[in-house]
Amino acid sequence: SGITKCNCDVDAKELVVKKDGPNKGRAFFRCGNNDNCNFFAWKDETTSNHGGGGGQRQGGNNQPPASRKRRSSDNDEEGKQRKCGLCKGLNN
């Protein structure tokens, strides 16, 4: 099996989710250079989609799905009201 490298071109660290939730026990890779490049990849997705890890790199800002911020176009937010007091003024 190949070695997964992060965007720093060093061996990624393999870790396991310990927090209770649907991904508990699931293995993933993080940047091997003190999380310098924000690399993230699920081990099971890396193995199945990239032939055993084989040194494939993922995008630099990949985050676990729970913490990934949703990007949306301006049209997606049209007509929706913001709920928090800090953001309400942004719709106007």
PDB file of N, CA and C in Angstrom:
ATOM      1  N   SER A   1       0.846  -1.179   0.000  1.00  0.00           N
ATOM      2  CA  SER A   1       0.000   0.000   0.000  1.00  0.00           C
ATOM      3  C   SER A   1       0.884   1.232   0.000  1.00  0.00           C
ATOM      4  N   GLY A   2       0.448   2.290  -0.685  1.00  0.00           N
ATOM      5  CA  GLY A   2       1.242   3.505  -0.802  1.00  0.00           C
ATOM      6  C   GLY A   2       1.128   4.377   0.420  1.00  0.00           C
ATOM      7  N   ILE A   3       1.962   5.372   0.457  1.00  0.00           N
ATOM      8  CA  ILE A   3       1.973   6.308   1.574  1.00  0.00           C
ATOM      9  C   ILE A   3       1.266   7.580   1.131  1.00  0.00           C
ATOM     10  N   THR A   4       0.334   8.053   1.941  1.00  0.00           N
ATOM     11  CA  THR A   4      -0.369   9.292   1.639  1.00  0.00           C
ATOM     12  C   THR A   4       0.481  10.454   2.106  1.00  0.00           C
ATOM     13  N   LYS A   5       0.672  11.423   1.222  1.00  0.00           N
ATOM     14  CA  LYS A   5       1.444  12.616   1.553  1.00  0.00           C
ATOM     15  C   LYS A   5       0.512  13.807   1.622  1.00  0.00           C
ATOM     16  N   CYS A   6       0.839  14.728   2.518  1.00  0.00           N
ATOM     17  CA  CYS A   6       0.052  15.955   2.606  1.00  0.00           C
ATOM     18  C   CYS A   6       0.598  16.966   1.600  1.00  0.00           C
ATOM     19  N   ASN A   7       0.052  18.165   1.588  1.00  0.00           N
ATOM     20  CA  ASN A   7       0.487  19.190   0.642  1.00  0.00           C
ATOM     21  C   ASN A   7       1.868  19.745   0.960  1.00  0.00           C
ATOM     22  N   CYS A   8       2.403  19.409   2.135  1.00  0.00           N
ATOM     23  CA  CYS A   8       3.774  19.801   2.497  1.00  0.00           C
ATOM     24  C   CYS A   8       4.786  18.817   1.918  1.00  0.00           C
ATOM     25  N   ASP A   9       4.283  17.772   1.249  1.00  0.00           N
ATOM     26  CA  ASP A   9       5.098  16.708   0.660  1.00  0.00           C
ATOM     27  C   ASP A   9       5.818  15.880   1.720  1.00  0.00           C
ATOM     28  N   VAL A  10       5.163  15.712   2.869  1.00  0.00           N
ATOM     29  CA  VAL A  10       5.652  14.804   3.909  1.00  0.00           C
ATOM     30  C   VAL A  10       4.570  13.766   4.170  1.00  0.00           C
ATOM     31  N   ASP A  11       4.934  12.648   4.787  1.00  0.00           N
ATOM     32  CA  ASP A  11       3.965  11.611   5.094  1.00  0.00           C
ATOM     33  C   ASP A  11       2.866  12.169   5.997  1.00  0.00           C
ATOM     34  N   ALA A  12       1.618  11.976   5.587  1.00  0.00           N
ATOM     35  CA  ALA A  12       0.488  12.430   6.392  1.00  0.00           C
ATOM     36  C   ALA A  12       0.355  11.554   7.635  1.00  0.00           C
ATOM     37  N   LYS A  13      -0.161  12.141   8.725  1.00  0.00           N
ATOM     38  CA  LYS A  13      -0.403  11.388   9.958  1.00  0.00           C
ATOM     39  C   LYS A  13      -1.742  10.682   9.848  1.00  0.00           C
ATOM     40  N   GLU A  14      -1.770   9.404  10.216  1.00  0.00           N
ATOM     41  CA  GLU A  14      -3.035   8.674  10.251  1.00  0.00           C
ATOM     42  C   GLU A  14      -3.574   8.734  11.671  1.00  0.00           C
ATOM     43  N   LEU A  15      -4.814   9.187  11.804  1.00  0.00           N
ATOM     44  CA  LEU A  15      -5.464   9.315  13.092  1.00  0.00           C
ATOM     45  C   LEU A  15      -6.835   8.652  13.023  1.00  0.00           C
ATOM     46  N   VAL A  16      -7.498   8.520  14.169  1.00  0.00           N
ATOM     47  CA  VAL A  16      -8.824   7.911  14.236  1.00  0.00           C
ATOM     48  C   VAL A  16      -9.739   8.856  15.012  1.00  0.00           C
ATOM     49  N   VAL A  17     -10.962   9.056  14.511  1.00  0.00           N
ATOM     50  CA  VAL A  17     -11.938   9.911  15.176  1.00  0.00           C
ATOM     51  C   VAL A  17     -12.286   9.291  16.524  1.00  0.00           C
ATOM     52  N   LYS A  18     -12.169  10.082  17.587  1.00  0.00           N
ATOM     53  CA  LYS A  18     -12.474   9.606  18.930  1.00  0.00           C
ATOM     54  C   LYS A  18     -13.755  10.224  19.471  1.00  0.00           C
ATOM     55  N   LYS A  19     -14.189  11.324  18.878  1.00  0.00           N
ATOM     56  CA  LYS A  19     -15.400  12.011  19.323  1.00  0.00           C
ATOM     57  C   LYS A  19     -16.631  11.187  18.975  1.00  0.00           C
ATOM     58  N   ASP A  20     -17.585  11.123  19.918  1.00  0.00           N
ATOM     59  CA  ASP A  20     -18.833  10.408  19.658  1.00  0.00           C
ATOM     60  C   ASP A  20     -19.542  11.023  18.468  1.00  0.00           C
ATOM     61  N   GLY A  21     -20.060  10.186  17.609  1.00  0.00           N
ATOM     62  CA  GLY A  21     -20.780  10.646  16.427  1.00  0.00           C
ATOM     63  C   GLY A  21     -20.700   9.600  15.337  1.00  0.00           C
ATOM     64  N   PRO A  22     -21.249   9.906  14.167  1.00  0.00           N
ATOM     65  CA  PRO A  22     -21.315   8.922  13.086  1.00  0.00           C
ATOM     66  C   PRO A  22     -19.945   8.496  12.554  1.00  0.00           C
ATOM     67  N   ASN A  23     -18.908   9.312  12.759  1.00  0.00           N
ATOM     68  CA  ASN A  23     -17.575   8.973  12.253  1.00  0.00           C
ATOM     69  C   ASN A  23     -16.645   8.395  13.319  1.00  0.00           C
ATOM     70  N   LYS A  24     -17.160   8.159  14.527  1.00  0.00           N
ATOM     71  CA  LYS A  24     -16.314   7.627  15.593  1.00  0.00           C
ATOM     72  C   LYS A  24     -15.677   6.310  15.140  1.00  0.00           C
ATOM     73  N   GLY A  25     -14.364   6.224  15.312  1.00  0.00           N
ATOM     74  CA  GLY A  25     -13.633   5.033  14.914  1.00  0.00           C
ATOM     75  C   GLY A  25     -13.137   5.070  13.473  1.00  0.00           C
ATOM     76  N   ARG A  26     -13.533   6.081  12.712  1.00  0.00           N
ATOM     77  CA  ARG A  26     -13.136   6.184  11.309  1.00  0.00           C
ATOM     78  C   ARG A  26     -11.743   6.796  11.201  1.00  0.00           C
ATOM     79  N   ALA A  27     -10.893   6.184  10.385  1.00  0.00           N
ATOM     80  CA  ALA A  27      -9.514   6.648  10.219  1.00  0.00           C
ATOM     81  C   ALA A  27      -9.455   7.774   9.192  1.00  0.00           C
ATOM     82  N   PHE A  28      -8.538   8.702   9.435  1.00  0.00           N
ATOM     83  CA  PHE A  28      -8.331   9.812   8.503  1.00  0.00           C
ATOM     84  C   PHE A  28      -6.876  10.236   8.520  1.00  0.00           C
ATOM     85  N   PHE A  29      -6.484  11.019   7.527  1.00  0.00           N
ATOM     86  CA  PHE A  29      -5.128  11.549   7.428  1.00  0.00           C
ATOM     87  C   PHE A  29      -5.154  13.056   7.644  1.00  0.00           C
ATOM     88  N   ARG A  30      -4.123  13.558   8.346  1.00  0.00           N
ATOM     89  CA  ARG A  30      -3.926  14.989   8.546  1.00  0.00           C
ATOM     90  C   ARG A  30      -2.507  15.339   8.107  1.00  0.00           C
ATOM     91  N   CYS A  31      -2.246  16.625   7.989  1.00  0.00           N
ATOM     92  CA  CYS A  31      -0.914  17.099   7.622  1.00  0.00           C
ATOM     93  C   CYS A  31       0.119  16.506   8.569  1.00  0.00           C
ATOM     94  N   GLY A  32       1.215  16.016   8.023  1.00  0.00           N
ATOM     95  CA  GLY A  32       2.292  15.451   8.823  1.00  0.00           C
ATOM     96  C   GLY A  32       3.294  16.484   9.282  1.00  0.00           C
ATOM     97  N   ASN A  33       3.035  17.738   8.964  1.00  0.00           N
ATOM     98  CA  ASN A  33       3.956  18.823   9.293  1.00  0.00           C
ATOM     99  C   ASN A  33       3.264  19.813  10.240  1.00  0.00           C
ATOM    100  N   ASN A  34       2.820  19.310  11.387  1.00  0.00           N
ATOM    101  CA  ASN A  34       2.139  20.129  12.402  1.00  0.00           C
ATOM    102  C   ASN A  34       0.912  20.842  11.845  1.00  0.00           C
ATOM    103  N   ASP A  35       0.197  20.184  10.957  1.00  0.00           N
ATOM    104  CA  ASP A  35      -1.025  20.715  10.353  1.00  0.00           C
ATOM    105  C   ASP A  35      -0.789  22.028   9.625  1.00  0.00           C
ATOM    106  N   ASN A  36       0.401  22.176   9.079  1.00  0.00           N
ATOM    107  CA  ASN A  36       0.805  23.391   8.390  1.00  0.00           C
ATOM    108  C   ASN A  36      -0.027  23.675   7.140  1.00  0.00           C
ATOM    109  N   CYS A  37      -0.425  22.626   6.406  1.00  0.00           N
ATOM    110  CA  CYS A  37      -1.131  22.836   5.134  1.00  0.00           C
ATOM    111  C   CYS A  37      -2.625  22.524   5.219  1.00  0.00           C
ATOM    112  N   ASN A  38      -3.136  22.222   6.409  1.00  0.00           N
ATOM    113  CA  ASN A  38      -4.561  21.931   6.609  1.00  0.00           C
ATOM    114  C   ASN A  38      -5.046  20.722   5.816  1.00  0.00           C
ATOM    115  N   PHE A  39      -4.151  19.814   5.463  1.00  0.00           N
ATOM    116  CA  PHE A  39      -4.527  18.625   4.704  1.00  0.00           C
ATOM    117  C   PHE A  39      -5.470  17.751   5.523  1.00  0.00           C
ATOM    118  N   PHE A  40      -6.502  17.196   4.856  1.00  0.00           N
ATOM    119  CA  PHE A  40      -7.417  16.243   5.475  1.00  0.00           C
ATOM    120  C   PHE A  40      -7.925  15.289   4.412  1.00  0.00           C
ATOM    121  N   ALA A  41      -7.967  14.004   4.744  1.00  0.00           N
ATOM    122  CA  ALA A  41      -8.562  13.012   3.847  1.00  0.00           C
ATOM    123  C   ALA A  41      -9.003  11.820   4.682  1.00  0.00           C
ATOM    124  N   TRP A  42     -10.216  11.307   4.408  1.00  0.00           N
ATOM    125  CA  TRP A  42     -10.661  10.081   5.052  1.00  0.00           C
ATOM    126  C   TRP A  42      -9.846   8.931   4.480  1.00  0.00           C
ATOM    127  N   LYS A  43      -9.400   8.019   5.337  1.00  0.00           N
ATOM    128  CA  LYS A  43      -8.595   6.890   4.881  1.00  0.00           C
ATOM    129  C   LYS A  43      -9.387   6.002   3.924  1.00  0.00           C
ATOM    130  N   ASP A  44     -10.652   5.714   4.248  1.00  0.00           N
ATOM    131  CA  ASP A  44     -11.426   4.827   3.381  1.00  0.00           C
ATOM    132  C   ASP A  44     -11.701   5.456   2.013  1.00  0.00           C
ATOM    133  N   GLU A  45     -11.822   6.764   1.937  1.00  0.00           N
ATOM    134  CA  GLU A  45     -12.019   7.421   0.649  1.00  0.00           C
ATOM    135  C   GLU A  45     -10.716   7.521  -0.122  1.00  0.00           C
ATOM    136  N   THR A  46      -9.610   7.731   0.568  1.00  0.00           N
ATOM    137  CA  THR A  46      -8.308   7.800  -0.083  1.00  0.00           C
ATOM    138  C   THR A  46      -7.961   6.459  -0.693  1.00  0.00           C
ATOM    139  N   THR A  47      -8.218   5.378   0.056  1.00  0.00           N
ATOM    140  CA  THR A  47      -7.905   4.032  -0.417  1.00  0.00           C
ATOM    141  C   THR A  47      -8.735   3.662  -1.629  1.00  0.00           C
ATOM    142  N   SER A  48     -10.046   3.915  -1.579  1.00  0.00           N
ATOM    143  CA  SER A  48     -10.909   3.484  -2.667  1.00  0.00           C
ATOM    144  C   SER A  48     -10.801   4.398  -3.884  1.00  0.00           C
ATOM    145  N   ASN A  49     -10.554   5.679  -3.676  1.00  0.00           N
ATOM    146  CA  ASN A  49     -10.539   6.608  -4.798  1.00  0.00           C
ATOM    147  C   ASN A  49      -9.155   6.860  -5.371  1.00  0.00           C
ATOM    148  N   HIS A  50      -8.120   6.485  -4.643  1.00  0.00           N
ATOM    149  CA  HIS A  50      -6.779   6.832  -5.096  1.00  0.00           C
ATOM    150  C   HIS A  50      -5.827   5.643  -5.069  1.00  0.00           C
ATOM    151  N   GLY A  51      -6.333   4.458  -5.241  1.00  0.00           N
ATOM    152  CA  GLY A  51      -5.486   3.280  -5.355  1.00  0.00           C
ATOM    153  C   GLY A  51      -4.554   3.061  -4.192  1.00  0.00           C
ATOM    154  N   GLY A  52      -5.074   3.018  -2.981  1.00  0.00           N
ATOM    155  CA  GLY A  52      -4.244   2.704  -1.816  1.00  0.00           C
ATOM    156  C   GLY A  52      -3.491   3.878  -1.259  1.00  0.00           C
ATOM    157  N   GLY A  53      -3.861   5.061  -1.577  1.00  0.00           N
ATOM    158  CA  GLY A  53      -3.173   6.232  -1.051  1.00  0.00           C
ATOM    159  C   GLY A  53      -2.081   6.687  -1.972  1.00  0.00           C
ATOM    160  N   GLY A  54      -1.266   5.802  -2.467  1.00  0.00           N
ATOM    161  CA  GLY A  54      -0.249   6.033  -3.483  1.00  0.00           C
ATOM    162  C   GLY A  54       0.377   7.399  -3.536  1.00  0.00           C
ATOM    163  N   GLY A  55       0.453   8.108  -2.422  1.00  0.00           N
ATOM    164  CA  GLY A  55       1.075   9.418  -2.434  1.00  0.00           C
ATOM    165  C   GLY A  55       0.181  10.496  -3.027  1.00  0.00           C
ATOM    166  N   GLN A  56      -1.064  10.233  -3.189  1.00  0.00           N
ATOM    167  CA  GLN A  56      -1.965  11.239  -3.748  1.00  0.00           C
ATOM    168  C   GLN A  56      -2.158  12.368  -2.745  1.00  0.00           C
ATOM    169  N   ARG A  57      -2.313  13.561  -3.252  1.00  0.00           N
ATOM    170  CA  ARG A  57      -2.554  14.712  -2.387  1.00  0.00           C
ATOM    171  C   ARG A  57      -3.973  15.198  -2.580  1.00  0.00           C
ATOM    172  N   GLN A  58      -4.541  15.678  -1.501  1.00  0.00           N
ATOM    173  CA  GLN A  58      -5.870  16.279  -1.551  1.00  0.00           C
ATOM    174  C   GLN A  58      -5.709  17.791  -1.556  1.00  0.00           C
ATOM    175  N   GLY A  59      -6.814  18.507  -1.781  1.00  0.00           N
ATOM    176  CA  GLY A  59      -6.782  19.968  -1.766  1.00  0.00           C
ATOM    177  C   GLY A  59      -6.326  20.504  -0.423  1.00  0.00           C
ATOM    178  N   GLY A  60      -5.730  21.679  -0.411  1.00  0.00           N
ATOM    179  CA  GLY A  60      -5.112  22.217   0.780  1.00  0.00           C
ATOM    180  C   GLY A  60      -6.038  22.538   1.923  1.00  0.00           C
ATOM    181  N   ASN A  61      -7.287  22.858   1.661  1.00  0.00           N
ATOM    182  CA  ASN A  61      -8.160  23.265   2.747  1.00  0.00           C
ATOM    183  C   ASN A  61      -9.246  22.250   3.031  1.00  0.00           C
ATOM    184  N   ASN A  62      -9.010  20.993   2.718  1.00  0.00           N
ATOM    185  CA  ASN A  62     -10.021  19.976   3.017  1.00  0.00           C
ATOM    186  C   ASN A  62     -10.187  19.858   4.516  1.00  0.00           C
ATOM    187  N   GLN A  63     -11.406  19.892   4.975  1.00  0.00           N
ATOM    188  CA  GLN A  63     -11.732  19.768   6.382  1.00  0.00           C
ATOM    189  C   GLN A  63     -12.729  18.645   6.550  1.00  0.00           C
ATOM    190  N   PRO A  64     -12.820  18.091   7.747  1.00  0.00           N
ATOM    191  CA  PRO A  64     -13.858  17.090   7.967  1.00  0.00           C
ATOM    192  C   PRO A  64     -15.217  17.680   7.618  1.00  0.00           C
ATOM    193  N   PRO A  65     -16.141  16.875   7.102  1.00  0.00           N
ATOM    194  CA  PRO A  65     -17.433  17.410   6.682  1.00  0.00           C
ATOM    195  C   PRO A  65     -18.144  18.248   7.725  1.00  0.00           C
ATOM    196  N   ALA A  66     -18.035  17.907   8.985  1.00  0.00           N
ATOM    197  CA  ALA A  66     -18.751  18.651  10.021  1.00  0.00           C
ATOM    198  C   ALA A  66     -18.226  20.074  10.164  1.00  0.00           C
ATOM    199  N   SER A  67     -16.958  20.308   9.831  1.00  0.00           N
ATOM    200  CA  SER A  67     -16.399  21.640  10.022  1.00  0.00           C
ATOM    201  C   SER A  67     -16.183  22.381   8.716  1.00  0.00           C
ATOM    202  N   ARG A  68     -16.488  21.761   7.603  1.00  0.00           N
ATOM    203  CA  ARG A  68     -16.302  22.398   6.312  1.00  0.00           C
ATOM    204  C   ARG A  68     -17.317  23.513   6.146  1.00  0.00           C
ATOM    205  N   LYS A  69     -16.854  24.693   5.776  1.00  0.00           N
ATOM    206  CA  LYS A  69     -17.760  25.818   5.594  1.00  0.00           C
ATOM    207  C   LYS A  69     -18.360  25.755   4.199  1.00  0.00           C
ATOM    208  N   ARG A  70     -19.641  26.020   4.123  1.00  0.00           N
ATOM    209  CA  ARG A  70     -20.361  25.952   2.859  1.00  0.00           C
ATOM    210  C   ARG A  70     -20.105  27.228   2.069  1.00  0.00           C
ATOM    211  N   ARG A  71     -19.701  27.058   0.847  1.00  0.00           N
ATOM    212  CA  ARG A  71     -19.560  28.200  -0.034  1.00  0.00           C
ATOM    213  C   ARG A  71     -20.811  28.281  -0.881  1.00  0.00           C
ATOM    214  N   SER A  72     -21.320  29.465  -1.025  1.00  0.00           N
ATOM    215  CA  SER A  72     -22.520  29.613  -1.837  1.00  0.00           C
ATOM    216  C   SER A  72     -22.392  30.858  -2.691  1.00  0.00           C
ATOM    217  N   SER A  73     -23.055  30.841  -3.793  1.00  0.00           N
ATOM    218  CA  SER A  73     -23.052  32.020  -4.644  1.00  0.00           C
ATOM    219  C   SER A  73     -23.997  33.045  -4.037  1.00  0.00           C
ATOM    220  N   ASP A  74     -23.891  34.250  -4.503  1.00  0.00           N
ATOM    221  CA  ASP A  74     -24.757  35.308  -3.999  1.00  0.00           C
ATOM    222  C   ASP A  74     -26.223  34.961  -4.224  1.00  0.00           C
ATOM    223  N   ASN A  75     -26.546  34.272  -5.315  1.00  0.00           N
ATOM    224  CA  ASN A  75     -27.929  33.934  -5.621  1.00  0.00           C
ATOM    225  C   ASN A  75     -28.509  32.942  -4.629  1.00  0.00           C
ATOM    226  N   ASP A  76     -27.699  32.082  -4.032  1.00  0.00           N
ATOM    227  CA  ASP A  76     -28.187  31.097  -3.073  1.00  0.00           C
ATOM    228  C   ASP A  76     -28.800  31.761  -1.847  1.00  0.00           C
ATOM    229  N   GLU A  77     -28.285  32.905  -1.462  1.00  0.00           N
ATOM    230  CA  GLU A  77     -28.716  33.539  -0.230  1.00  0.00           C
ATOM    231  C   GLU A  77     -29.817  34.567  -0.475  1.00  0.00           C
ATOM    232  N   GLU A  78     -30.159  34.818  -1.728  1.00  0.00           N
ATOM    233  CA  GLU A  78     -31.156  35.816  -2.047  1.00  0.00           C
ATOM    234  C   GLU A  78     -32.494  35.466  -1.413  1.00  0.00           C
ATOM    235  N   GLY A  79     -33.096  36.412  -0.720  1.00  0.00           N
ATOM    236  CA  GLY A  79     -34.411  36.200  -0.139  1.00  0.00           C
ATOM    237  C   GLY A  79     -34.394  35.509   1.212  1.00  0.00           C
ATOM    238  N   LYS A  80     -33.252  35.002   1.660  1.00  0.00           N
ATOM    239  CA  LYS A  80     -33.179  34.353   2.963  1.00  0.00           C
ATOM    240  C   LYS A  80     -32.796  35.384   4.008  1.00  0.00           C
ATOM    241  N   GLN A  81     -33.438  35.315   5.148  1.00  0.00           N
ATOM    242  CA  GLN A  81     -33.114  36.247   6.216  1.00  0.00           C
ATOM    243  C   GLN A  81     -32.106  35.623   7.156  1.00  0.00           C
ATOM    244  N   ARG A  82     -31.180  36.426   7.581  1.00  0.00           N
ATOM    245  CA  ARG A  82     -30.183  35.953   8.537  1.00  0.00           C
ATOM    246  C   ARG A  82     -30.806  35.933   9.926  1.00  0.00           C
ATOM    247  N   LYS A  83     -30.367  34.987  10.739  1.00  0.00           N
ATOM    248  CA  LYS A  83     -30.996  34.791  12.044  1.00  0.00           C
ATOM    249  C   LYS A  83     -30.265  35.462  13.193  1.00  0.00           C
ATOM    250  N   CYS A  84     -28.950  35.561  13.121  1.00  0.00           N
ATOM    251  CA  CYS A  84     -28.228  36.144  14.259  1.00  0.00           C
ATOM    252  C   CYS A  84     -28.193  37.666  14.140  1.00  0.00           C
ATOM    253  N   GLY A  85     -28.054  38.324  15.234  1.00  0.00           N
ATOM    254  CA  GLY A  85     -28.020  39.778  15.250  1.00  0.00           C
ATOM    255  C   GLY A  85     -26.803  40.349  14.547  1.00  0.00           C
ATOM    256  N   LEU A  86     -25.698  39.617  14.533  1.00  0.00           N
ATOM    257  CA  LEU A  86     -24.481  40.096  13.900  1.00  0.00           C
ATOM    258  C   LEU A  86     -24.595  40.132  12.386  1.00  0.00           C
ATOM    259  N   CYS A  87     -25.352  39.215  11.822  1.00  0.00           N
ATOM    260  CA  CYS A  87     -25.403  39.076  10.368  1.00  0.00           C
ATOM    261  C   CYS A  87     -26.617  39.738   9.726  1.00  0.00           C
ATOM    262  N   LYS A  88     -27.612  40.116  10.495  1.00  0.00           N
ATOM    263  CA  LYS A  88     -28.840  40.666   9.919  1.00  0.00           C
ATOM    264  C   LYS A  88     -28.564  41.845   9.001  1.00  0.00           C
ATOM    265  N   GLY A  89     -27.639  42.687   9.372  1.00  0.00           N
ATOM    266  CA  GLY A  89     -27.330  43.874   8.577  1.00  0.00           C
ATOM    267  C   GLY A  89     -26.696  43.560   7.236  1.00  0.00           C
ATOM    268  N   LEU A  90     -26.188  42.361   7.050  1.00  0.00           N
ATOM    269  CA  LEU A  90     -25.526  42.007   5.799  1.00  0.00           C
ATOM    270  C   LEU A  90     -26.502  41.808   4.648  1.00  0.00           C
ATOM    271  N   ASN A  91     -27.761  41.537   4.930  1.00  0.00           N
ATOM    272  CA  ASN A  91     -28.754  41.340   3.872  1.00  0.00           C
ATOM    273  C   ASN A  91     -29.231  42.654   3.276  1.00  0.00           C
ATOM    274  N   ASN A  92     -29.021  43.728   3.981  1.00  0.00           N
ATOM    275  CA  ASN A  92     -29.562  45.018   3.524  1.00  0.00           C
ATOM    276  C   ASN A  92     -28.620  45.712   2.591  1.00  0.00           C
TER     277      ASN A  92
END
